[in-house]
Amino acid sequence: MSGHAVPRSVYYLIFIALIVLTSVTVWVAFMDLGPFNDVVALTIAVTKATLVVLFFMHVKYSNKLVWAFVSSSVLFLIILLALTMSDFITRGTFPKTGGW
């Protein structure tokens, strides 16, 4: 089996970056950013997921077929979220906050 050899230092740096981003997520969770709380949390989550997919799943060094499958998966996720949000927005009623 042949593959791209990645030094351990890269994995250690990615691990440290993931730990730092997790700490930032916890720190931001206790801050009141108003409507931007979700945006910041999702941005950090997407960044962490991208690092995991690129380095720990070895997609960065894979061929174009793997990139095509990853891209189609992300596209499918975007379509699924868009359809879900379009259904939620067109219902006209929003759930009340503060419990059941």
Protein backbone atom coordinates (compact mmCIF):
# COMPACT_ATOMS: atom_id res chain seq x y z
CA MET A 1 0.00 0.00 0.00
CA SER A 2 1.52 3.29 -1.03
CA GLY A 3 0.54 6.64 0.32
CA HIS A 4 1.76 10.04 1.23
CA ALA A 5 4.00 10.00 4.32
CA VAL A 6 3.01 12.73 6.74
CA PRO A 7 5.38 13.58 9.59
CA ARG A 8 4.07 13.11 13.11
CA SER A 9 4.66 16.78 13.83
CA VAL A 10 1.80 17.64 11.44
CA TYR A 11 -0.56 15.40 13.38
CA TYR A 12 0.58 16.93 16.67
CA LEU A 13 0.02 20.45 15.32
CA ILE A 14 -3.45 19.55 14.04
CA PHE A 15 -4.26 17.97 17.41
CA ILE A 16 -3.13 21.11 19.23
CA ALA A 17 -5.19 23.24 16.84
CA LEU A 18 -8.25 21.08 17.54
CA ILE A 19 -7.74 21.40 21.30
CA VAL A 20 -7.33 25.19 20.98
CA LEU A 21 -10.46 25.45 18.83
CA THR A 22 -12.39 23.35 21.35
CA SER A 23 -11.24 25.70 24.12
CA VAL A 24 -12.32 28.68 22.04
CA THR A 25 -15.71 27.02 21.54
CA VAL A 26 -16.16 26.65 25.29
CA TRP A 27 -15.00 30.22 25.87
CA VAL A 28 -17.39 31.61 23.25
CA ALA A 29 -20.26 29.56 24.70
CA PHE A 30 -20.07 31.62 27.88
CA MET A 31 -20.02 34.95 26.03
CA ASP A 32 -23.14 36.80 24.95
CA LEU A 33 -22.67 37.65 21.30
CA GLY A 34 -26.36 38.04 20.60
CA PRO A 35 -27.40 36.50 17.30
CA PHE A 36 -23.77 35.76 16.41
CA ASN A 37 -23.37 32.95 18.97
CA ASP A 38 -24.57 30.36 16.49
CA VAL A 39 -22.52 31.79 13.65
CA VAL A 40 -19.29 31.74 15.67
CA ALA A 41 -19.95 28.25 17.04
CA LEU A 42 -20.73 26.84 13.59
CA THR A 43 -17.68 28.52 12.07
CA ILE A 44 -15.44 26.92 14.67
CA ALA A 45 -17.16 23.54 14.17
CA VAL A 46 -16.75 23.68 10.39
CA THR A 47 -13.08 24.59 10.82
CA LYS A 48 -12.51 21.63 13.14
CA ALA A 49 -14.38 19.26 10.83
CA THR A 50 -12.33 20.47 7.87
CA LEU A 51 -9.07 19.81 9.72
CA VAL A 52 -10.20 16.31 10.66
CA VAL A 53 -11.32 15.46 7.13
CA LEU A 54 -8.23 16.87 5.44
CA PHE A 55 -5.54 15.47 7.72
CA PHE A 56 -6.83 12.61 9.85
CA MET A 57 -8.89 11.12 7.02
CA HIS A 58 -6.03 11.78 4.56
CA VAL A 59 -8.24 13.55 2.03
CA LYS A 60 -5.65 16.28 1.48
CA TYR A 61 -3.27 13.83 -0.15
CA SER A 62 -5.88 11.67 -1.90
CA ASN A 63 -6.72 11.44 -5.57
CA LYS A 64 -9.47 13.33 -7.37
CA LEU A 65 -12.03 10.55 -6.94
CA VAL A 66 -11.90 10.89 -3.15
CA TRP A 67 -12.19 14.67 -3.50
CA ALA A 68 -15.25 14.15 -5.72
CA PHE A 69 -16.93 11.97 -3.11
CA VAL A 70 -16.14 14.41 -0.29
CA SER A 71 -17.37 17.34 -2.37
CA SER A 72 -20.58 15.55 -3.29
CA SER A 73 -21.17 14.71 0.37
CA VAL A 74 -20.77 18.35 1.36
CA LEU A 75 -23.05 19.41 -1.48
CA PHE A 76 -25.67 16.88 -0.35
CA LEU A 77 -25.44 18.23 3.22
CA ILE A 78 -25.94 21.79 1.97
CA ILE A 79 -28.98 20.74 -0.08
CA LEU A 80 -30.42 18.83 2.89
CA LEU A 81 -29.98 21.81 5.22
CA ALA A 82 -31.40 24.24 2.65
CA LEU A 83 -34.52 22.12 2.14
CA THR A 84 -34.97 21.70 5.88
CA MET A 85 -34.63 25.43 6.49
CA SER A 86 -37.00 26.27 3.62
CA ASP A 87 -39.62 23.99 5.18
CA PHE A 88 -39.07 25.50 8.62
CA ILE A 89 -39.25 29.10 7.39
CA THR A 90 -42.39 28.62 5.29
CA ARG A 91 -44.46 27.17 8.14
CA GLY A 92 -45.17 30.67 9.45
CA THR A 93 -45.01 29.76 13.11
CA PHE A 94 -41.87 29.66 15.14
CA PRO A 95 -41.53 27.71 18.36
CA LYS A 96 -41.71 29.71 21.55
CA THR A 97 -38.55 29.86 23.59
CA GLY A 98 -38.44 28.97 27.23
CA GLY A 99 -39.66 25.40 27.37
CA TRP A 100 -42.39 23.15 26.11
